PDB file of all heavy atoms in Angstrom:
ATOM      1  N   THR A   1       0.832  -1.207   0.000  1.00  0.00           N
ATOM      2  CA  THR A   1       0.000   0.000   0.000  1.00  0.00           C
ATOM      3  C   THR A   1       0.865   1.255   0.000  1.00  0.00           C
ATOM      4  O   THR A   1       0.584   2.208  -0.730  1.00  0.00           O
ATOM      5  CB  THR A   1      -0.964  -0.016   1.198  1.00  0.00           C
ATOM      6  OG1 THR A   1      -1.768  -1.195   1.112  1.00  0.00           O
ATOM      7  CG2 THR A   1      -1.854   1.212   1.200  1.00  0.00           C
ATOM      8  N   LEU A   2       1.932   1.273   0.795  1.00  0.00           N
ATOM      9  CA  LEU A   2       2.836   2.425   0.798  1.00  0.00           C
ATOM     10  C   LEU A   2       3.458   2.654  -0.577  1.00  0.00           C
ATOM     11  O   LEU A   2       3.577   3.793  -1.031  1.00  0.00           O
ATOM     12  CB  LEU A   2       3.930   2.244   1.845  1.00  0.00           C
ATOM     13  CG  LEU A   2       3.493   2.373   3.300  1.00  0.00           C
ATOM     14  CD1 LEU A   2       4.606   1.906   4.241  1.00  0.00           C
ATOM     15  CD2 LEU A   2       3.071   3.798   3.623  1.00  0.00           C
ATOM     16  N   LEU A   3       3.845   1.579  -1.243  1.00  0.00           N
ATOM     17  CA  LEU A   3       4.440   1.716  -2.576  1.00  0.00           C
ATOM     18  C   LEU A   3       3.411   2.222  -3.581  1.00  0.00           C
ATOM     19  O   LEU A   3       3.739   3.016  -4.470  1.00  0.00           O
ATOM     20  CB  LEU A   3       5.057   0.391  -3.028  1.00  0.00           C
ATOM     21  CG  LEU A   3       6.243  -0.083  -2.185  1.00  0.00           C
ATOM     22  CD1 LEU A   3       6.783  -1.416  -2.706  1.00  0.00           C
ATOM     23  CD2 LEU A   3       7.348   0.964  -2.138  1.00  0.00           C
ATOM     24  N   LEU A   4       2.172   1.795  -3.446  1.00  0.00           N
ATOM     25  CA  LEU A   4       1.110   2.310  -4.312  1.00  0.00           C
ATOM     26  C   LEU A   4       0.895   3.804  -4.070  1.00  0.00           C
ATOM     27  O   LEU A   4       0.790   4.591  -5.016  1.00  0.00           O
ATOM     28  CB  LEU A   4      -0.193   1.551  -4.072  1.00  0.00           C
ATOM     29  CG  LEU A   4      -0.248   0.136  -4.619  1.00  0.00           C
ATOM     30  CD1 LEU A   4      -1.457  -0.616  -4.046  1.00  0.00           C
ATOM     31  CD2 LEU A   4      -0.294   0.132  -6.145  1.00  0.00           C
ATOM     32  N   ILE A   5       0.825   4.200  -2.799  1.00  0.00           N
ATOM     33  CA  ILE A   5       0.610   5.617  -2.466  1.00  0.00           C
ATOM     34  C   ILE A   5       1.740   6.466  -3.033  1.00  0.00           C
ATOM     35  O   ILE A   5       1.506   7.534  -3.608  1.00  0.00           O
ATOM     36  CB  ILE A   5       0.489   5.816  -0.939  1.00  0.00           C
ATOM     37  CG1 ILE A   5      -0.788   5.158  -0.410  1.00  0.00           C
ATOM     38  CG2 ILE A   5       0.532   7.300  -0.576  1.00  0.00           C
ATOM     39  CD1 ILE A   5      -0.858   5.050   1.107  1.00  0.00           C
ATOM     40  N   LYS A   6       2.969   5.994  -2.897  1.00  0.00           N
ATOM     41  CA  LYS A   6       4.113   6.766  -3.394  1.00  0.00           C
ATOM     42  C   LYS A   6       4.097   6.890  -4.910  1.00  0.00           C
ATOM     43  O   LYS A   6       4.316   7.962  -5.458  1.00  0.00           O
ATOM     44  CB  LYS A   6       5.432   6.131  -2.975  1.00  0.00           C
ATOM     45  CG  LYS A   6       6.613   6.953  -3.535  1.00  0.00           C
ATOM     46  CD  LYS A   6       7.932   6.342  -3.302  1.00  0.00           C
ATOM     47  CE  LYS A   6       9.076   7.229  -3.685  1.00  0.00           C
ATOM     48  NZ  LYS A   6       9.120   7.657  -5.068  1.00  0.00           N
ATOM     49  N   ASN A   7       3.840   5.791  -5.574  1.00  0.00           N
ATOM     50  CA  ASN A   7       3.974   5.762  -7.026  1.00  0.00           C
ATOM     51  C   ASN A   7       2.713   6.146  -7.788  1.00  0.00           C
ATOM     52  O   ASN A   7       2.780   6.377  -8.995  1.00  0.00           O
ATOM     53  CB  ASN A   7       4.470   4.380  -7.459  1.00  0.00           C
ATOM     54  CG  ASN A   7       5.898   4.162  -7.035  1.00  0.00           C
ATOM     55  OD1 ASN A   7       6.811   4.736  -7.595  1.00  0.00           O
ATOM     56  ND2 ASN A   7       6.092   3.365  -5.996  1.00  0.00           N
ATOM     57  N   MET A   8       1.595   6.224  -7.097  1.00  0.00           N
ATOM     58  CA  MET A   8       0.334   6.607  -7.739  1.00  0.00           C
ATOM     59  C   MET A   8      -0.400   7.612  -6.835  1.00  0.00           C
ATOM     60  O   MET A   8      -1.506   7.342  -6.371  1.00  0.00           O
ATOM     61  CB  MET A   8      -0.509   5.361  -7.997  1.00  0.00           C
ATOM     62  CG  MET A   8       0.211   4.319  -8.848  1.00  0.00           C
ATOM     63  SD  MET A   8      -0.779   2.850  -9.144  1.00  0.00           S
ATOM     64  CE  MET A   8      -1.594   3.367 -10.659  1.00  0.00           C
ATOM     65  N   PRO A   9       0.216   8.769  -6.567  1.00  0.00           N
ATOM     66  CA  PRO A   9      -0.361   9.716  -5.598  1.00  0.00           C
ATOM     67  C   PRO A   9      -1.700  10.311  -6.026  1.00  0.00           C
ATOM     68  O   PRO A   9      -2.399  10.899  -5.203  1.00  0.00           O
ATOM     69  CB  PRO A   9       0.715  10.801  -5.468  1.00  0.00           C
ATOM     70  CG  PRO A   9       1.490  10.723  -6.743  1.00  0.00           C
ATOM     71  CD  PRO A   9       1.459   9.271  -7.147  1.00  0.00           C
ATOM     72  N   ASP A  10      -2.075  10.144  -7.277  1.00  0.00           N
ATOM     73  CA  ASP A  10      -3.352  10.668  -7.759  1.00  0.00           C
ATOM     74  C   ASP A  10      -4.525   9.743  -7.430  1.00  0.00           C
ATOM     75  O   ASP A  10      -5.671  10.115  -7.584  1.00  0.00           O
ATOM     76  CB  ASP A  10      -3.282  10.902  -9.264  1.00  0.00           C
ATOM     77  CG  ASP A  10      -2.902   9.646 -10.033  1.00  0.00           C
ATOM     78  OD1 ASP A  10      -2.000   8.910  -9.576  1.00  0.00           O
ATOM     79  OD2 ASP A  10      -3.497   9.383 -11.096  1.00  0.00           O
ATOM     80  N   LYS A  11      -4.240   8.543  -6.949  1.00  0.00           N
ATOM     81  CA  LYS A  11      -5.279   7.577  -6.592  1.00  0.00           C
ATOM     82  C   LYS A  11      -5.472   7.583  -5.076  1.00  0.00           C
ATOM     83  O   LYS A  11      -4.612   8.010  -4.326  1.00  0.00           O
ATOM     84  CB  LYS A  11      -4.891   6.185  -7.061  1.00  0.00           C
ATOM     85  CG  LYS A  11      -4.648   6.089  -8.558  1.00  0.00           C
ATOM     86  CD  LYS A  11      -5.467   5.009  -9.150  1.00  0.00           C
ATOM     87  CE  LYS A  11      -5.191   4.857 -10.620  1.00  0.00           C
ATOM     88  NZ  LYS A  11      -6.118   5.586 -11.441  1.00  0.00           N
ATOM     89  N   VAL A  12      -6.603   7.050  -4.635  1.00  0.00           N
ATOM     90  CA  VAL A  12      -6.897   6.940  -3.204  1.00  0.00           C
ATOM     91  C   VAL A  12      -6.885   5.463  -2.842  1.00  0.00           C
ATOM     92  O   VAL A  12      -7.598   4.659  -3.453  1.00  0.00           O
ATOM     93  CB  VAL A  12      -8.275   7.544  -2.864  1.00  0.00           C
ATOM     94  CG1 VAL A  12      -8.565   7.399  -1.373  1.00  0.00           C
ATOM     95  CG2 VAL A  12      -8.333   9.006  -3.280  1.00  0.00           C
ATOM     96  N   PHE A  13      -6.070   5.122  -1.854  1.00  0.00           N
ATOM     97  CA  PHE A  13      -5.931   3.729  -1.430  1.00  0.00           C
ATOM     98  C   PHE A  13      -6.430   3.523  -0.012  1.00  0.00           C
ATOM     99  O   PHE A  13      -6.338   4.419   0.823  1.00  0.00           O
ATOM    100  CB  PHE A  13      -4.465   3.284  -1.538  1.00  0.00           C
ATOM    101  CG  PHE A  13      -3.967   3.260  -2.954  1.00  0.00           C
ATOM    102  CD1 PHE A  13      -3.220   4.317  -3.452  1.00  0.00           C
ATOM    103  CD2 PHE A  13      -4.279   2.209  -3.796  1.00  0.00           C
ATOM    104  CE1 PHE A  13      -2.778   4.319  -4.765  1.00  0.00           C
ATOM    105  CE2 PHE A  13      -3.844   2.200  -5.112  1.00  0.00           C
ATOM    106  CZ  PHE A  13      -3.089   3.258  -5.601  1.00  0.00           C
ATOM    107  N   ASN A  14      -6.928   2.340   0.246  1.00  0.00           N
ATOM    108  CA  ASN A  14      -7.368   1.922   1.565  1.00  0.00           C
ATOM    109  C   ASN A  14      -6.132   1.715   2.429  1.00  0.00           C
ATOM    110  O   ASN A  14      -5.471   0.680   2.352  1.00  0.00           O
ATOM    111  CB  ASN A  14      -8.181   0.631   1.447  1.00  0.00           C
ATOM    112  CG  ASN A  14      -8.475  -0.009   2.766  1.00  0.00           C
ATOM    113  OD1 ASN A  14      -8.477   0.645   3.806  1.00  0.00           O
ATOM    114  ND2 ASN A  14      -8.724  -1.312   2.745  1.00  0.00           N
ATOM    115  N   ALA A  15      -5.811   2.686   3.270  1.00  0.00           N
ATOM    116  CA  ALA A  15      -4.627   2.585   4.118  1.00  0.00           C
ATOM    117  C   ALA A  15      -4.895   1.785   5.387  1.00  0.00           C
ATOM    118  O   ALA A  15      -3.994   1.603   6.205  1.00  0.00           O
ATOM    119  CB  ALA A  15      -4.093   3.971   4.456  1.00  0.00           C
ATOM    120  N   SER A  16      -6.099   1.261   5.534  1.00  0.00           N
ATOM    121  CA  SER A  16      -6.365   0.359   6.662  1.00  0.00           C
ATOM    122  C   SER A  16      -5.702  -0.992   6.448  1.00  0.00           C
ATOM    123  O   SER A  16      -5.688  -1.816   7.354  1.00  0.00           O
ATOM    124  CB  SER A  16      -7.871   0.207   6.895  1.00  0.00           C
ATOM    125  OG  SER A  16      -8.373   1.375   7.516  1.00  0.00           O
ATOM    126  N   THR A  17      -5.122  -1.203   5.275  1.00  0.00           N
ATOM    127  CA  THR A  17      -4.313  -2.400   5.055  1.00  0.00           C
ATOM    128  C   THR A  17      -2.930  -2.242   5.676  1.00  0.00           C
ATOM    129  O   THR A  17      -2.157  -3.183   5.708  1.00  0.00           O
ATOM    130  CB  THR A  17      -4.154  -2.690   3.547  1.00  0.00           C
ATOM    131  OG1 THR A  17      -3.523  -1.572   2.926  1.00  0.00           O
ATOM    132  CG2 THR A  17      -5.491  -2.961   2.891  1.00  0.00           C
ATOM    133  N   CYS A  18      -2.647  -1.040   6.160  1.00  0.00           N
ATOM    134  CA  CYS A  18      -1.362  -0.741   6.789  1.00  0.00           C
ATOM    135  C   CYS A  18      -1.492  -0.828   8.309  1.00  0.00           C
ATOM    136  O   CYS A  18      -2.512  -0.421   8.866  1.00  0.00           O
ATOM    137  CB  CYS A  18      -0.924   0.689   6.457  1.00  0.00           C
ATOM    138  SG  CYS A  18      -0.617   1.013   4.721  1.00  0.00           S
ATOM    139  N   GLY A  19      -0.452  -1.290   8.942  1.00  0.00           N
ATOM    140  CA  GLY A  19      -0.383  -1.223  10.395  1.00  0.00           C
ATOM    141  C   GLY A  19       0.075   0.159  10.813  1.00  0.00           C
ATOM    142  O   GLY A  19       0.477   0.992   9.991  1.00  0.00           O
ATOM    143  N   ASP A  20       0.043   0.410  12.118  1.00  0.00           N
ATOM    144  CA  ASP A  20       0.499   1.704  12.633  1.00  0.00           C
ATOM    145  C   ASP A  20       1.974   1.948  12.331  1.00  0.00           C
ATOM    146  O   ASP A  20       2.414   3.099  12.290  1.00  0.00           O
ATOM    147  CB  ASP A  20       0.248   1.795  14.139  1.00  0.00           C
ATOM    148  CG  ASP A  20      -1.237   1.912  14.468  1.00  0.00           C
ATOM    149  OD1 ASP A  20      -2.027   2.318  13.592  1.00  0.00           O
ATOM    150  OD2 ASP A  20      -1.602   1.590  15.619  1.00  0.00           O
ATOM    151  N   ASN A  21       2.733   0.872  12.079  1.00  0.00           N
ATOM    152  CA  ASN A  21       4.151   1.040  11.746  1.00  0.00           C
ATOM    153  C   ASN A  21       4.345   1.717  10.385  1.00  0.00           C
ATOM    154  O   ASN A  21       5.447   2.130  10.046  1.00  0.00           O
ATOM    155  CB  ASN A  21       4.902  -0.287  11.808  1.00  0.00           C
ATOM    156  CG  ASN A  21       4.355  -1.340  10.861  1.00  0.00           C
ATOM    157  OD1 ASN A  21       3.238  -1.237  10.347  1.00  0.00           O
ATOM    158  ND2 ASN A  21       5.118  -2.390  10.653  1.00  0.00           N
ATOM    159  N   CYS A  22       3.289   1.869   9.620  1.00  0.00           N
ATOM    160  CA  CYS A  22       3.354   2.555   8.331  1.00  0.00           C
ATOM    161  C   CYS A  22       3.037   4.045   8.440  1.00  0.00           C
ATOM    162  O   CYS A  22       3.249   4.798   7.491  1.00  0.00           O
ATOM    163  CB  CYS A  22       2.377   1.913   7.344  1.00  0.00           C
ATOM    164  SG  CYS A  22       2.753   0.192   6.930  1.00  0.00           S
ATOM    165  N   ALA A  23       2.522   4.486   9.583  1.00  0.00           N
ATOM    166  CA  ALA A  23       2.049   5.865   9.732  1.00  0.00           C
ATOM    167  C   ALA A  23       3.137   6.897   9.444  1.00  0.00           C
ATOM    168  O   ALA A  23       2.887   7.900   8.771  1.00  0.00           O
ATOM    169  CB  ALA A  23       1.468   6.078  11.126  1.00  0.00           C
ATOM    170  N   GLY A  24       4.326   6.676   9.946  1.00  0.00           N
ATOM    171  CA  GLY A  24       5.424   7.615   9.701  1.00  0.00           C
ATOM    172  C   GLY A  24       5.753   7.742   8.228  1.00  0.00           C
ATOM    173  O   GLY A  24       6.058   8.842   7.740  1.00  0.00           O
ATOM    174  N   PHE A  25       5.669   6.636   7.508  1.00  0.00           N
ATOM    175  CA  PHE A  25       5.934   6.677   6.065  1.00  0.00           C
ATOM    176  C   PHE A  25       4.830   7.428   5.325  1.00  0.00           C
ATOM    177  O   PHE A  25       5.094   8.130   4.355  1.00  0.00           O
ATOM    178  CB  PHE A  25       6.095   5.263   5.499  1.00  0.00           C
ATOM    179  CG  PHE A  25       7.381   4.606   5.877  1.00  0.00           C
ATOM    180  CD1 PHE A  25       7.400   3.547   6.771  1.00  0.00           C
ATOM    181  CD2 PHE A  25       8.587   5.038   5.350  1.00  0.00           C
ATOM    182  CE1 PHE A  25       8.584   2.934   7.127  1.00  0.00           C
ATOM    183  CE2 PHE A  25       9.787   4.435   5.697  1.00  0.00           C
ATOM    184  CZ  PHE A  25       9.787   3.377   6.588  1.00  0.00           C
ATOM    185  N   ILE A  26       3.595   7.281   5.782  1.00  0.00           N
ATOM    186  CA  ILE A  26       2.491   8.026   5.164  1.00  0.00           C
ATOM    187  C   ILE A  26       2.719   9.523   5.352  1.00  0.00           C
ATOM    188  O   ILE A  26       2.566  10.307   4.413  1.00  0.00           O
ATOM    189  CB  ILE A  26       1.131   7.573   5.733  1.00  0.00           C
ATOM    190  CG1 ILE A  26       0.824   6.147   5.240  1.00  0.00           C
ATOM    191  CG2 ILE A  26       0.018   8.550   5.349  1.00  0.00           C
ATOM    192  CD1 ILE A  26      -0.396   5.506   5.875  1.00  0.00           C
ATOM    193  N   LEU A  27       3.116   9.921   6.549  1.00  0.00           N
ATOM    194  CA  LEU A  27       3.393  11.339   6.795  1.00  0.00           C
ATOM    195  C   LEU A  27       4.564  11.835   5.945  1.00  0.00           C
ATOM    196  O   LEU A  27       4.546  12.964   5.434  1.00  0.00           O
ATOM    197  CB  LEU A  27       3.664  11.585   8.276  1.00  0.00           C
ATOM    198  CG  LEU A  27       2.466  11.374   9.207  1.00  0.00           C
ATOM    199  CD1 LEU A  27       2.891  11.551  10.659  1.00  0.00           C
ATOM    200  CD2 LEU A  27       1.311  12.294   8.854  1.00  0.00           C
ATOM    201  N   LYS A  28       5.560  10.996   5.785  1.00  0.00           N
ATOM    202  CA  LYS A  28       6.715  11.360   4.950  1.00  0.00           C
ATOM    203  C   LYS A  28       6.275  11.585   3.506  1.00  0.00           C
ATOM    204  O   LYS A  28       6.667  12.571   2.874  1.00  0.00           O
ATOM    205  CB  LYS A  28       7.773  10.250   5.016  1.00  0.00           C
ATOM    206  CG  LYS A  28       9.022  10.524   4.225  1.00  0.00           C
ATOM    207  CD  LYS A  28      10.039   9.407   4.410  1.00  0.00           C
ATOM    208  CE  LYS A  28      11.319   9.699   3.658  1.00  0.00           C
ATOM    209  NZ  LYS A  28      12.335   8.652   3.894  1.00  0.00           N
ATOM    210  N   LEU A  29       5.441  10.697   2.983  1.00  0.00           N
ATOM    211  CA  LEU A  29       4.946  10.852   1.620  1.00  0.00           C
ATOM    212  C   LEU A  29       4.102  12.120   1.477  1.00  0.00           C
ATOM    213  O   LEU A  29       4.156  12.805   0.450  1.00  0.00           O
ATOM    214  CB  LEU A  29       4.126   9.630   1.203  1.00  0.00           C
ATOM    215  CG  LEU A  29       4.921   8.350   0.972  1.00  0.00           C
ATOM    216  CD1 LEU A  29       3.984   7.170   0.779  1.00  0.00           C
ATOM    217  CD2 LEU A  29       5.868   8.501  -0.218  1.00  0.00           C
ATOM    218  N   ALA A  30       3.333  12.438   2.510  1.00  0.00           N
ATOM    219  CA  ALA A  30       2.460  13.616   2.473  1.00  0.00           C
ATOM    220  C   ALA A  30       3.249  14.924   2.503  1.00  0.00           C
ATOM    221  O   ALA A  30       2.733  15.969   2.102  1.00  0.00           O
ATOM    222  CB  ALA A  30       1.464  13.567   3.626  1.00  0.00           C
ATOM    223  N   LYS A  31       4.485  14.876   2.979  1.00  0.00           N
ATOM    224  CA  LYS A  31       5.331  16.068   2.943  1.00  0.00           C
ATOM    225  C   LYS A  31       5.831  16.331   1.525  1.00  0.00           C
ATOM    226  O   LYS A  31       6.117  17.455   1.156  1.00  0.00           O
ATOM    227  CB  LYS A  31       6.525  15.914   3.887  1.00  0.00           C
ATOM    228  CG  LYS A  31       6.151  16.077   5.337  1.00  0.00           C
ATOM    229  CD  LYS A  31       7.372  15.965   6.225  1.00  0.00           C
ATOM    230  CE  LYS A  31       6.967  16.117   7.683  1.00  0.00           C
ATOM    231  NZ  LYS A  31       8.118  15.941   8.575  1.00  0.00           N
ATOM    232  N   GLU A  32       5.962  15.262   0.728  1.00  0.00           N
ATOM    233  CA  GLU A  32       6.474  15.379  -0.637  1.00  0.00           C
ATOM    234  C   GLU A  32       5.383  15.681  -1.652  1.00  0.00           C
ATOM    235  O   GLU A  32       5.620  16.364  -2.645  1.00  0.00           O
ATOM    236  CB  GLU A  32       7.191  14.079  -1.027  1.00  0.00           C
ATOM    237  CG  GLU A  32       8.388  13.774  -0.152  1.00  0.00           C
ATOM    238  CD  GLU A  32       8.935  12.364  -0.362  1.00  0.00           C
ATOM    239  OE1 GLU A  32       8.439  11.641  -1.257  1.00  0.00           O
ATOM    240  OE2 GLU A  32       9.853  11.984   0.386  1.00  0.00           O
ATOM    241  N   ASN A  33       4.181  15.123  -1.440  1.00  0.00           N
ATOM    242  CA  ASN A  33       3.050  15.279  -2.363  1.00  0.00           C
ATOM    243  C   ASN A  33       1.765  15.342  -1.571  1.00  0.00           C
ATOM    244  O   ASN A  33       1.683  14.786  -0.485  1.00  0.00           O
ATOM    245  CB  ASN A  33       2.931  14.055  -3.298  1.00  0.00           C
ATOM    246  CG  ASN A  33       3.994  14.002  -4.352  1.00  0.00           C
ATOM    247  OD1 ASN A  33       4.167  14.926  -5.118  1.00  0.00           O
ATOM    248  ND2 ASN A  33       4.722  12.891  -4.394  1.00  0.00           N
ATOM    249  N   ASP A  34       0.763  15.968  -2.157  1.00  0.00           N
ATOM    250  CA  ASP A  34      -0.569  15.859  -1.579  1.00  0.00           C
ATOM    251  C   ASP A  34      -1.052  14.439  -1.817  1.00  0.00           C
ATOM    252  O   ASP A  34      -1.005  13.956  -2.959  1.00  0.00           O
ATOM    253  CB  ASP A  34      -1.537  16.838  -2.249  1.00  0.00           C
ATOM    254  CG  ASP A  34      -1.257  18.277  -1.868  1.00  0.00           C
ATOM    255  OD1 ASP A  34      -0.617  18.494  -0.821  1.00  0.00           O
ATOM    256  OD2 ASP A  34      -1.685  19.175  -2.608  1.00  0.00           O
ATOM    257  N   ILE A  35      -1.467  13.769  -0.752  1.00  0.00           N
ATOM    258  CA  ILE A  35      -2.003  12.422  -0.902  1.00  0.00           C
ATOM    259  C   ILE A  35      -3.305  12.311  -0.128  1.00  0.00           C
ATOM    260  O   ILE A  35      -3.501  12.991   0.872  1.00  0.00           O
ATOM    261  CB  ILE A  35      -1.014  11.318  -0.443  1.00  0.00           C
ATOM    262  CG1 ILE A  35      -0.660  11.468   1.037  1.00  0.00           C
ATOM    263  CG2 ILE A  35       0.230  11.301  -1.301  1.00  0.00           C
ATOM    264  CD1 ILE A  35       0.079  10.271   1.615  1.00  0.00           C
ATOM    265  N   THR A  36      -4.170  11.459  -0.632  1.00  0.00           N
ATOM    266  CA  THR A  36      -5.433  11.165   0.029  1.00  0.00           C
ATOM    267  C   THR A  36      -5.473   9.684   0.316  1.00  0.00           C
ATOM    268  O   THR A  36      -5.182   8.869  -0.567  1.00  0.00           O
ATOM    269  CB  THR A  36      -6.630  11.559  -0.861  1.00  0.00           C
ATOM    270  OG1 THR A  36      -6.540  12.953  -1.164  1.00  0.00           O
ATOM    271  CG2 THR A  36      -7.948  11.267  -0.165  1.00  0.00           C
ATOM    272  N   ILE A  37      -5.795   9.350   1.557  1.00  0.00           N
ATOM    273  CA  ILE A  37      -5.945   7.953   1.940  1.00  0.00           C
ATOM    274  C   ILE A  37      -7.343   7.731   2.496  1.00  0.00           C
ATOM    275  O   ILE A  37      -7.983   8.659   2.980  1.00  0.00           O
ATOM    276  CB  ILE A  37      -4.887   7.490   2.963  1.00  0.00           C
ATOM    277  CG1 ILE A  37      -4.976   8.300   4.262  1.00  0.00           C
ATOM    278  CG2 ILE A  37      -3.491   7.552   2.356  1.00  0.00           C
ATOM    279  CD1 ILE A  37      -4.089   7.776   5.394  1.00  0.00           C
ATOM    280  N   ASN A  38      -7.779   6.498   2.413  1.00  0.00           N
ATOM    281  CA  ASN A  38      -9.039   6.090   3.005  1.00  0.00           C
ATOM    282  C   ASN A  38      -8.707   5.236   4.216  1.00  0.00           C
ATOM    283  O   ASN A  38      -7.869   4.345   4.140  1.00  0.00           O
ATOM    284  CB  ASN A  38      -9.840   5.280   1.975  1.00  0.00           C
ATOM    285  CG  ASN A  38     -11.153   4.762   2.504  1.00  0.00           C
ATOM    286  OD1 ASN A  38     -11.479   3.608   2.299  1.00  0.00           O
ATOM    287  ND2 ASN A  38     -11.917   5.586   3.167  1.00  0.00           N
ATOM    288  N   LEU A  39      -9.332   5.551   5.354  1.00  0.00           N
ATOM    289  CA  LEU A  39      -9.135   4.754   6.566  1.00  0.00           C
ATOM    290  C   LEU A  39     -10.482   4.255   7.061  1.00  0.00           C
ATOM    291  O   LEU A  39     -11.463   4.996   7.069  1.00  0.00           O
ATOM    292  CB  LEU A  39      -8.462   5.574   7.671  1.00  0.00           C
ATOM    293  CG  LEU A  39      -6.977   5.859   7.512  1.00  0.00           C
ATOM    294  CD1 LEU A  39      -6.494   6.821   8.592  1.00  0.00           C
ATOM    295  CD2 LEU A  39      -6.166   4.572   7.547  1.00  0.00           C
ATOM    296  N   ARG A  40     -10.488   3.017   7.495  1.00  0.00           N
ATOM    297  CA  ARG A  40     -11.688   2.423   8.083  1.00  0.00           C
ATOM    298  C   ARG A  40     -11.443   2.111   9.550  1.00  0.00           C
ATOM    299  O   ARG A  40     -12.201   1.378  10.169  1.00  0.00           O
ATOM    300  CB  ARG A  40     -12.070   1.172   7.295  1.00  0.00           C
ATOM    301  CG  ARG A  40     -12.616   1.561   5.921  1.00  0.00           C
ATOM    302  CD  ARG A  40     -12.144   0.658   4.830  1.00  0.00           C
ATOM    303  NE  ARG A  40     -12.387   1.240   3.527  1.00  0.00           N
ATOM    304  CZ  ARG A  40     -13.405   0.935   2.763  1.00  0.00           C
ATOM    305  NH1 ARG A  40     -14.315   0.081   3.160  1.00  0.00           N
ATOM    306  NH2 ARG A  40     -13.532   1.487   1.587  1.00  0.00           N
TER     307      ARG A  40
END
């Protein structure tokens, strides 16, 4: 999911497939590009 978010920032991915250990990487990606994630 992190690789999808990084390489396809124009799409919205279900980030609930990520554990909390991915949160820092999501924030890092959001500093580089505007990203939208879906959380359940």
